[in-house]
Amino acid sequence: LYLQMNSLKPEDTAVYYCNANPLPVLYNGRDYY
C-alpha cells in the first residue's frame, strides 16, 4: 500500500499508520466510508 504526499504542510506532522480490514469500503449513495 502507498501514500504519496505532496505539498506537505507543518500540520501534516504525525505518525502515520496503515490499516487493513477484510470488510469492503462502504457507500451510502453519496459518500464512501
PDB file of all heavy atoms in Angstrom:
ATOM      1  N   LEU A   1       0.864  -1.178   0.000  1.00  0.00           N
ATOM      2  CA  LEU A   1       0.000   0.000   0.000  1.00  0.00           C
ATOM      3  C   LEU A   1       0.903   1.231   0.000  1.00  0.00           C
ATOM      4  O   LEU A   1       1.971   1.231   0.620  1.00  0.00           O
ATOM      5  CB  LEU A   1      -0.871  -0.004   1.257  1.00  0.00           C
ATOM      6  CG  LEU A   1      -1.761   1.203   1.516  1.00  0.00           C
ATOM      7  CD1 LEU A   1      -2.943   1.186   0.545  1.00  0.00           C
ATOM      8  CD2 LEU A   1      -2.245   1.191   2.957  1.00  0.00           C
ATOM      9  N   TYR A   2       0.466   2.283  -0.691  1.00  0.00           N
ATOM     10  CA  TYR A   2       1.264   3.504  -0.780  1.00  0.00           C
ATOM     11  C   TYR A   2       0.438   4.728  -0.387  1.00  0.00           C
ATOM     12  O   TYR A   2      -0.789   4.729  -0.498  1.00  0.00           O
ATOM     13  CB  TYR A   2       1.775   3.718  -2.210  1.00  0.00           C
ATOM     14  CG  TYR A   2       2.601   2.580  -2.749  1.00  0.00           C
ATOM     15  CD1 TYR A   2       2.036   1.643  -3.608  1.00  0.00           C
ATOM     16  CD2 TYR A   2       3.940   2.444  -2.400  1.00  0.00           C
ATOM     17  CE1 TYR A   2       2.784   0.590  -4.112  1.00  0.00           C
ATOM     18  CE2 TYR A   2       4.697   1.392  -2.892  1.00  0.00           C
ATOM     19  CZ  TYR A   2       4.109   0.471  -3.739  1.00  0.00           C
ATOM     20  OH  TYR A   2       4.865  -0.574  -4.226  1.00  0.00           O
ATOM     21  N   LEU A   3       1.147   5.757   0.036  1.00  0.00           N
ATOM     22  CA  LEU A   3       0.534   7.067   0.237  1.00  0.00           C
ATOM     23  C   LEU A   3       1.511   8.108  -0.281  1.00  0.00           C
ATOM     24  O   LEU A   3       2.564   8.342   0.325  1.00  0.00           O
ATOM     25  CB  LEU A   3       0.221   7.333   1.708  1.00  0.00           C
ATOM     26  CG  LEU A   3      -0.526   8.643   1.978  1.00  0.00           C
ATOM     27  CD1 LEU A   3      -1.944   8.568   1.397  1.00  0.00           C
ATOM     28  CD2 LEU A   3      -0.581   8.958   3.474  1.00  0.00           C
ATOM     29  N   GLN A   4       1.191   8.678  -1.432  1.00  0.00           N
ATOM     30  CA  GLN A   4       2.003   9.753  -1.995  1.00  0.00           C
ATOM     31  C   GLN A   4       1.528  11.066  -1.398  1.00  0.00           C
ATOM     32  O   GLN A   4       0.359  11.414  -1.523  1.00  0.00           O
ATOM     33  CB  GLN A   4       1.869   9.784  -3.518  1.00  0.00           C
ATOM     34  CG  GLN A   4       2.645  10.904  -4.194  1.00  0.00           C
ATOM     35  CD  GLN A   4       4.134  10.735  -4.050  1.00  0.00           C
ATOM     36  OE1 GLN A   4       4.670   9.657  -4.235  1.00  0.00           O
ATOM     37  NE2 GLN A   4       4.826  11.837  -3.732  1.00  0.00           N
ATOM     38  N   MET A   5       2.450  11.776  -0.767  1.00  0.00           N
ATOM     39  CA  MET A   5       2.095  13.017  -0.079  1.00  0.00           C
ATOM     40  C   MET A   5       2.869  14.172  -0.717  1.00  0.00           C
ATOM     41  O   MET A   5       4.101  14.189  -0.685  1.00  0.00           O
ATOM     42  CB  MET A   5       2.446  12.904   1.412  1.00  0.00           C
ATOM     43  CG  MET A   5       1.799  11.715   2.097  1.00  0.00           C
ATOM     44  SD  MET A   5       2.063  11.702   3.880  1.00  0.00           S
ATOM     45  CE  MET A   5       3.827  11.507   3.941  1.00  0.00           C
ATOM     46  N   ASN A   6       2.141  15.083  -1.310  1.00  0.00           N
ATOM     47  CA  ASN A   6       2.731  16.251  -1.949  1.00  0.00           C
ATOM     48  C   ASN A   6       2.298  17.525  -1.225  1.00  0.00           C
ATOM     49  O   ASN A   6       1.338  17.519  -0.449  1.00  0.00           O
ATOM     50  CB  ASN A   6       2.315  16.322  -3.418  1.00  0.00           C
ATOM     51  CG  ASN A   6       2.765  15.135  -4.226  1.00  0.00           C
ATOM     52  OD1 ASN A   6       3.822  14.545  -3.966  1.00  0.00           O
ATOM     53  ND2 ASN A   6       1.974  14.755  -5.209  1.00  0.00           N
ATOM     54  N   SER A   7       2.999  18.612  -1.494  1.00  0.00           N
ATOM     55  CA  SER A   7       2.663  19.914  -0.899  1.00  0.00           C
ATOM     56  C   SER A   7       2.458  19.797   0.607  1.00  0.00           C
ATOM     57  O   SER A   7       1.466  20.281   1.158  1.00  0.00           O
ATOM     58  CB  SER A   7       1.398  20.480  -1.564  1.00  0.00           C
ATOM     59  OG  SER A   7       1.571  20.621  -2.956  1.00  0.00           O
ATOM     60  N   LEU A   8       3.399  19.146   1.249  1.00  0.00           N
ATOM     61  CA  LEU A   8       3.257  18.889   2.680  1.00  0.00           C
ATOM     62  C   LEU A   8       3.271  20.177   3.492  1.00  0.00           C
ATOM     63  O   LEU A   8       3.950  21.157   3.138  1.00  0.00           O
ATOM     64  CB  LEU A   8       4.374  17.960   3.155  1.00  0.00           C
ATOM     65  CG  LEU A   8       4.152  16.490   2.800  1.00  0.00           C
ATOM     66  CD1 LEU A   8       5.447  15.697   2.846  1.00  0.00           C
ATOM     67  CD2 LEU A   8       3.113  15.880   3.729  1.00  0.00           C
ATOM     68  N   LYS A   9       2.500  20.156   4.569  1.00  0.00           N
ATOM     69  CA  LYS A   9       2.372  21.303   5.468  1.00  0.00           C
ATOM     70  C   LYS A   9       2.814  20.897   6.876  1.00  0.00           C
ATOM     71  O   LYS A   9       2.757  19.716   7.228  1.00  0.00           O
ATOM     72  CB  LYS A   9       0.908  21.753   5.525  1.00  0.00           C
ATOM     73  CG  LYS A   9       0.298  22.089   4.176  1.00  0.00           C
ATOM     74  CD  LYS A   9      -1.183  22.404   4.323  1.00  0.00           C
ATOM     75  CE  LYS A   9      -1.821  22.724   2.984  1.00  0.00           C
ATOM     76  NZ  LYS A   9      -3.276  23.021   3.129  1.00  0.00           N
ATOM     77  N   PRO A  10       3.221  21.850   7.693  1.00  0.00           N
ATOM     78  CA  PRO A  10       3.603  21.501   9.074  1.00  0.00           C
ATOM     79  C   PRO A  10       2.495  20.759   9.817  1.00  0.00           C
ATOM     80  O   PRO A  10       2.786  19.886  10.651  1.00  0.00           O
ATOM     81  CB  PRO A  10       3.887  22.867   9.705  1.00  0.00           C
ATOM     82  CG  PRO A  10       4.357  23.708   8.562  1.00  0.00           C
ATOM     83  CD  PRO A  10       3.522  23.263   7.380  1.00  0.00           C
ATOM     84  N   GLU A  11       1.253  21.066   9.511  1.00  0.00           N
ATOM     85  CA  GLU A  11       0.144  20.382  10.197  1.00  0.00           C
ATOM     86  C   GLU A  11      -0.031  18.931   9.755  1.00  0.00           C
ATOM     87  O   GLU A  11      -0.850  18.211  10.324  1.00  0.00           O
ATOM     88  CB  GLU A  11      -1.173  21.147  10.005  1.00  0.00           C
ATOM     89  CG  GLU A  11      -1.491  21.487   8.567  1.00  0.00           C
ATOM     90  CD  GLU A  11      -1.077  22.901   8.205  1.00  0.00           C
ATOM     91  OE1 GLU A  11       0.048  23.313   8.575  1.00  0.00           O
ATOM     92  OE2 GLU A  11      -1.878  23.592   7.522  1.00  0.00           O
ATOM     93  N   ASP A  12       0.727  18.486   8.767  1.00  0.00           N
ATOM     94  CA  ASP A  12       0.729  17.074   8.382  1.00  0.00           C
ATOM     95  C   ASP A  12       1.659  16.250   9.265  1.00  0.00           C
ATOM     96  O   ASP A  12       1.707  15.018   9.154  1.00  0.00           O
ATOM     97  CB  ASP A  12       1.162  16.910   6.922  1.00  0.00           C
ATOM     98  CG  ASP A  12       0.173  17.517   5.949  1.00  0.00           C
ATOM     99  OD1 ASP A  12      -1.044  17.374   6.153  1.00  0.00           O
ATOM    100  OD2 ASP A  12       0.634  18.149   4.969  1.00  0.00           O
ATOM    101  N   THR A  13       2.416  16.908  10.136  1.00  0.00           N
ATOM    102  CA  THR A  13       3.331  16.200  11.028  1.00  0.00           C
ATOM    103  C   THR A  13       2.557  15.253  11.944  1.00  0.00           C
ATOM    104  O   THR A  13       1.616  15.663  12.625  1.00  0.00           O
ATOM    105  CB  THR A  13       4.128  17.208  11.875  1.00  0.00           C
ATOM    106  OG1 THR A  13       4.972  17.966  11.016  1.00  0.00           O
ATOM    107  CG2 THR A  13       4.979  16.494  12.918  1.00  0.00           C
ATOM    108  N   ALA A  14       2.946  13.984  11.917  1.00  0.00           N
ATOM    109  CA  ALA A  14       2.237  12.958  12.688  1.00  0.00           C
ATOM    110  C   ALA A  14       2.931  11.615  12.481  1.00  0.00           C
ATOM    111  O   ALA A  14       3.804  11.485  11.616  1.00  0.00           O
ATOM    112  CB  ALA A  14       0.780  12.855  12.244  1.00  0.00           C
ATOM    113  N   VAL A  15       2.512  10.645  13.274  1.00  0.00           N
ATOM    114  CA  VAL A  15       2.864   9.250  12.994  1.00  0.00           C
ATOM    115  C   VAL A  15       1.769   8.700  12.092  1.00  0.00           C
ATOM    116  O   VAL A  15       0.577   8.832  12.403  1.00  0.00           O
ATOM    117  CB  VAL A  15       2.969   8.422  14.285  1.00  0.00           C
ATOM    118  CG1 VAL A  15       3.288   6.974  13.944  1.00  0.00           C
ATOM    119  CG2 VAL A  15       4.036   9.005  15.199  1.00  0.00           C
ATOM    120  N   TYR A  16       2.171   8.112  10.987  1.00  0.00           N
ATOM    121  CA  TYR A  16       1.235   7.581  10.001  1.00  0.00           C
ATOM    122  C   TYR A  16       1.167   6.057  10.119  1.00  0.00           C
ATOM    123  O   TYR A  16       2.208   5.391  10.174  1.00  0.00           O
ATOM    124  CB  TYR A  16       1.663   7.980   8.601  1.00  0.00           C
ATOM    125  CG  TYR A  16       1.342   9.427   8.287  1.00  0.00           C
ATOM    126  CD1 TYR A  16       2.054  10.460   8.891  1.00  0.00           C
ATOM    127  CD2 TYR A  16       0.308   9.767   7.415  1.00  0.00           C
ATOM    128  CE1 TYR A  16       1.748  11.791   8.631  1.00  0.00           C
ATOM    129  CE2 TYR A  16       0.006  11.088   7.144  1.00  0.00           C
ATOM    130  CZ  TYR A  16       0.728  12.094   7.764  1.00  0.00           C
ATOM    131  OH  TYR A  16       0.418  13.411   7.505  1.00  0.00           O
ATOM    132  N   TYR A  17      -0.070   5.554  10.150  1.00  0.00           N
ATOM    133  CA  TYR A  17      -0.310   4.133  10.307  1.00  0.00           C
ATOM    134  C   TYR A  17      -1.122   3.595   9.132  1.00  0.00           C
ATOM    135  O   TYR A  17      -2.055   4.260   8.656  1.00  0.00           O
ATOM    136  CB  TYR A  17      -1.125   3.864  11.577  1.00  0.00           C
ATOM    137  CG  TYR A  17      -0.479   4.305  12.858  1.00  0.00           C
ATOM    138  CD1 TYR A  17      -0.676   5.592  13.358  1.00  0.00           C
ATOM    139  CD2 TYR A  17       0.319   3.432  13.602  1.00  0.00           C
ATOM    140  CE1 TYR A  17      -0.092   6.003  14.547  1.00  0.00           C
ATOM    141  CE2 TYR A  17       0.902   3.840  14.791  1.00  0.00           C
ATOM    142  CZ  TYR A  17       0.690   5.122  15.250  1.00  0.00           C
ATOM    143  OH  TYR A  17       1.275   5.526  16.434  1.00  0.00           O
ATOM    144  N   CYS A  18      -0.806   2.379   8.705  1.00  0.00           N
ATOM    145  CA  CYS A  18      -1.684   1.730   7.735  1.00  0.00           C
ATOM    146  C   CYS A  18      -2.559   0.719   8.477  1.00  0.00           C
ATOM    147  O   CYS A  18      -2.213   0.249   9.566  1.00  0.00           O
ATOM    148  CB  CYS A  18      -0.907   1.067   6.608  1.00  0.00           C
ATOM    149  SG  CYS A  18       0.211  -0.250   7.097  1.00  0.00           S
ATOM    150  N   ASN A  19      -3.685   0.447   7.865  1.00  0.00           N
ATOM    151  CA  ASN A  19      -4.695  -0.415   8.493  1.00  0.00           C
ATOM    152  C   ASN A  19      -5.320  -1.306   7.437  1.00  0.00           C
ATOM    153  O   ASN A  19      -5.474  -0.908   6.276  1.00  0.00           O
ATOM    154  CB  ASN A  19      -5.774   0.454   9.139  1.00  0.00           C
ATOM    155  CG  ASN A  19      -6.888  -0.361   9.743  1.00  0.00           C
ATOM    156  OD1 ASN A  19      -7.893  -0.634   9.083  1.00  0.00           O
ATOM    157  ND2 ASN A  19      -6.725  -0.767  10.981  1.00  0.00           N
ATOM    158  N   ALA A  20      -5.699  -2.510   7.847  1.00  0.00           N
ATOM    159  CA  ALA A  20      -6.335  -3.456   6.935  1.00  0.00           C
ATOM    160  C   ALA A  20      -7.666  -3.922   7.508  1.00  0.00           C
ATOM    161  O   ALA A  20      -7.788  -4.148   8.720  1.00  0.00           O
ATOM    162  CB  ALA A  20      -5.422  -4.667   6.706  1.00  0.00           C
ATOM    163  N   ASN A  21      -8.653  -4.058   6.631  1.00  0.00           N
ATOM    164  CA  ASN A  21      -9.979  -4.530   7.037  1.00  0.00           C
ATOM    165  C   ASN A  21     -10.508  -5.491   5.980  1.00  0.00           C
ATOM    166  O   ASN A  21     -10.596  -5.129   4.808  1.00  0.00           O
ATOM    167  CB  ASN A  21     -10.927  -3.337   7.195  1.00  0.00           C
ATOM    168  CG  ASN A  21     -12.219  -3.727   7.908  1.00  0.00           C
ATOM    169  OD1 ASN A  21     -12.606  -4.887   7.919  1.00  0.00           O
ATOM    170  ND2 ASN A  21     -12.871  -2.754   8.514  1.00  0.00           N
ATOM    171  N   PRO A  22     -10.895  -6.707   6.382  1.00  0.00           N
ATOM    172  CA  PRO A  22     -11.431  -7.652   5.396  1.00  0.00           C
ATOM    173  C   PRO A  22     -12.797  -7.226   4.862  1.00  0.00           C
ATOM    174  O   PRO A  22     -13.231  -7.729   3.814  1.00  0.00           O
ATOM    175  CB  PRO A  22     -11.526  -8.965   6.178  1.00  0.00           C
ATOM    176  CG  PRO A  22     -11.601  -8.557   7.603  1.00  0.00           C
ATOM    177  CD  PRO A  22     -10.778  -7.310   7.713  1.00  0.00           C
ATOM    178  N   LEU A  23     -13.454  -6.304   5.555  1.00  0.00           N
ATOM    179  CA  LEU A  23     -14.736  -5.807   5.068  1.00  0.00           C
ATOM    180  C   LEU A  23     -14.504  -4.769   3.969  1.00  0.00           C
ATOM    181  O   LEU A  23     -13.512  -4.050   3.990  1.00  0.00           O
ATOM    182  CB  LEU A  23     -15.527  -5.184   6.206  1.00  0.00           C
ATOM    183  CG  LEU A  23     -15.892  -6.123   7.357  1.00  0.00           C
ATOM    184  CD1 LEU A  23     -16.617  -5.363   8.447  1.00  0.00           C
ATOM    185  CD2 LEU A  23     -16.746  -7.275   6.849  1.00  0.00           C
ATOM    186  N   PRO A  24     -15.419  -4.641   3.023  1.00  0.00           N
ATOM    187  CA  PRO A  24     -15.246  -3.676   1.937  1.00  0.00           C
ATOM    188  C   PRO A  24     -15.506  -2.247   2.406  1.00  0.00           C
ATOM    189  O   PRO A  24     -16.098  -2.017   3.449  1.00  0.00           O
ATOM    190  CB  PRO A  24     -16.303  -4.110   0.918  1.00  0.00           C
ATOM    191  CG  PRO A  24     -17.367  -4.745   1.736  1.00  0.00           C
ATOM    192  CD  PRO A  24     -16.653  -5.438   2.856  1.00  0.00           C
ATOM    193  N   VAL A  25     -15.061  -1.285   1.607  1.00  0.00           N
ATOM    194  CA  VAL A  25     -15.426   0.092   1.879  1.00  0.00           C
ATOM    195  C   VAL A  25     -16.937   0.214   1.674  1.00  0.00           C
ATOM    196  O   VAL A  25     -17.548  -0.549   0.916  1.00  0.00           O
ATOM    197  CB  VAL A  25     -14.672   1.082   0.966  1.00  0.00           C
ATOM    198  CG1 VAL A  25     -13.174   0.946   1.176  1.00  0.00           C
ATOM    199  CG2 VAL A  25     -15.009   0.844  -0.494  1.00  0.00           C
ATOM    200  N   LEU A  26     -17.536   1.155   2.361  1.00  0.00           N
ATOM    201  CA  LEU A  26     -18.983   1.315   2.322  1.00  0.00           C
ATOM    202  C   LEU A  26     -19.362   2.560   1.519  1.00  0.00           C
ATOM    203  O   LEU A  26     -18.620   3.544   1.484  1.00  0.00           O
ATOM    204  CB  LEU A  26     -19.527   1.439   3.749  1.00  0.00           C
ATOM    205  CG  LEU A  26     -19.207   0.275   4.687  1.00  0.00           C
ATOM    206  CD1 LEU A  26     -19.725   0.566   6.078  1.00  0.00           C
ATOM    207  CD2 LEU A  26     -19.784  -1.017   4.146  1.00  0.00           C
ATOM    208  N   TYR A  27     -20.537   2.496   0.889  1.00  0.00           N
ATOM    209  CA  TYR A  27     -21.021   3.631   0.101  1.00  0.00           C
ATOM    210  C   TYR A  27     -22.484   3.826   0.432  1.00  0.00           C
ATOM    211  O   TYR A  27     -23.280   2.889   0.354  1.00  0.00           O
ATOM    212  CB  TYR A  27     -20.834   3.346  -1.388  1.00  0.00           C
ATOM    213  CG  TYR A  27     -21.260   4.476  -2.292  1.00  0.00           C
ATOM    214  CD1 TYR A  27     -20.624   5.712  -2.216  1.00  0.00           C
ATOM    215  CD2 TYR A  27     -22.278   4.302  -3.221  1.00  0.00           C
ATOM    216  CE1 TYR A  27     -21.000   6.752  -3.049  1.00  0.00           C
ATOM    217  CE2 TYR A  27     -22.659   5.334  -4.059  1.00  0.00           C
ATOM    218  CZ  TYR A  27     -22.013   6.557  -3.970  1.00  0.00           C
ATOM    219  OH  TYR A  27     -22.372   7.596  -4.790  1.00  0.00           O
ATOM    220  N   ASN A  28     -22.854   5.058   0.824  1.00  0.00           N
ATOM    221  CA  ASN A  28     -24.241   5.312   1.222  1.00  0.00           C
ATOM    222  C   ASN A  28     -25.030   6.030   0.125  1.00  0.00           C
ATOM    223  O   ASN A  28     -26.103   6.556   0.385  1.00  0.00           O
ATOM    224  CB  ASN A  28     -24.277   6.139   2.514  1.00  0.00           C
ATOM    225  CG  ASN A  28     -23.749   7.549   2.324  1.00  0.00           C
ATOM    226  OD1 ASN A  28     -23.306   7.921   1.234  1.00  0.00           O
ATOM    227  ND2 ASN A  28     -23.791   8.345   3.379  1.00  0.00           N
ATOM    228  N   GLY A  29     -24.483   6.042  -1.065  1.00  0.00           N
ATOM    229  CA  GLY A  29     -25.152   6.711  -2.170  1.00  0.00           C
ATOM    230  C   GLY A  29     -24.579   8.086  -2.460  1.00  0.00           C
ATOM    231  O   GLY A  29     -24.832   8.651  -3.523  1.00  0.00           O
ATOM    232  N   ARG A  30     -23.809   8.585  -1.480  1.00  0.00           N
ATOM    233  CA  ARG A  30     -23.206   9.893  -1.681  1.00  0.00           C
ATOM    234  C   ARG A  30     -21.723   9.886  -1.297  1.00  0.00           C
ATOM    235  O   ARG A  30     -20.892  10.455  -2.001  1.00  0.00           O
ATOM    236  CB  ARG A  30     -23.930  10.954  -0.859  1.00  0.00           C
ATOM    237  CG  ARG A  30     -23.503  12.380  -1.191  1.00  0.00           C
ATOM    238  CD  ARG A  30     -24.174  13.398  -0.290  1.00  0.00           C
ATOM    239  NE  ARG A  30     -23.575  13.433   1.037  1.00  0.00           N
ATOM    240  CZ  ARG A  30     -23.904  14.340   1.958  1.00  0.00           C
ATOM    241  NH1 ARG A  30     -24.831  15.238   1.712  1.00  0.00           N
ATOM    242  NH2 ARG A  30     -23.321  14.329   3.142  1.00  0.00           N
ATOM    243  N   ASP A  31     -21.406   9.260  -0.184  1.00  0.00           N
ATOM    244  CA  ASP A  31     -20.040   9.252   0.334  1.00  0.00           C
ATOM    245  C   ASP A  31     -19.561   7.830   0.560  1.00  0.00           C
ATOM    246  O   ASP A  31     -20.348   6.922   0.820  1.00  0.00           O
ATOM    247  CB  ASP A  31     -19.961  10.024   1.653  1.00  0.00           C
ATOM    248  CG  ASP A  31     -20.333  11.472   1.499  1.00  0.00           C
ATOM    249  OD1 ASP A  31     -19.767  12.141   0.600  1.00  0.00           O
ATOM    250  OD2 ASP A  31     -21.195  11.947   2.262  1.00  0.00           O
ATOM    251  N   TYR A  32     -18.241   7.680   0.485  1.00  0.00           N
ATOM    252  CA  TYR A  32     -17.602   6.414   0.829  1.00  0.00           C
ATOM    253  C   TYR A  32     -17.130   6.478   2.288  1.00  0.00           C
ATOM    254  O   TYR A  32     -16.772   7.552   2.795  1.00  0.00           O
ATOM    255  CB  TYR A  32     -16.407   6.149  -0.085  1.00  0.00           C
ATOM    256  CG  TYR A  32     -16.795   5.714  -1.468  1.00  0.00           C
ATOM    257  CD1 TYR A  32     -16.863   6.635  -2.513  1.00  0.00           C
ATOM    258  CD2 TYR A  32     -17.104   4.389  -1.746  1.00  0.00           C
ATOM    259  CE1 TYR A  32     -17.215   6.235  -3.793  1.00  0.00           C
ATOM    260  CE2 TYR A  32     -17.450   3.994  -3.032  1.00  0.00           C
ATOM    261  CZ  TYR A  32     -17.515   4.930  -4.034  1.00  0.00           C
ATOM    262  OH  TYR A  32     -17.872   4.526  -5.295  1.00  0.00           O
ATOM    263  N   TYR A  33     -17.096   5.310   2.921  1.00  0.00           N
ATOM    264  CA  TYR A  33     -16.656   5.214   4.302  1.00  0.00           C
ATOM    265  C   TYR A  33     -15.711   4.025   4.442  1.00  0.00           C
ATOM    266  O   TYR A  33     -15.864   3.013   3.767  1.00  0.00           O
ATOM    267  CB  TYR A  33     -17.847   5.013   5.248  1.00  0.00           C
ATOM    268  CG  TYR A  33     -18.780   6.192   5.306  1.00  0.00           C
ATOM    269  CD1 TYR A  33     -19.864   6.263   4.427  1.00  0.00           C
ATOM    270  CD2 TYR A  33     -18.569   7.230   6.193  1.00  0.00           C
ATOM    271  CE1 TYR A  33     -20.724   7.345   4.459  1.00  0.00           C
ATOM    272  CE2 TYR A  33     -19.421   8.315   6.233  1.00  0.00           C
ATOM    273  CZ  TYR A  33     -20.501   8.364   5.363  1.00  0.00           C
ATOM    274  OH  TYR A  33     -21.340   9.449   5.389  1.00  0.00           O
TER     275      TYR A  33
END
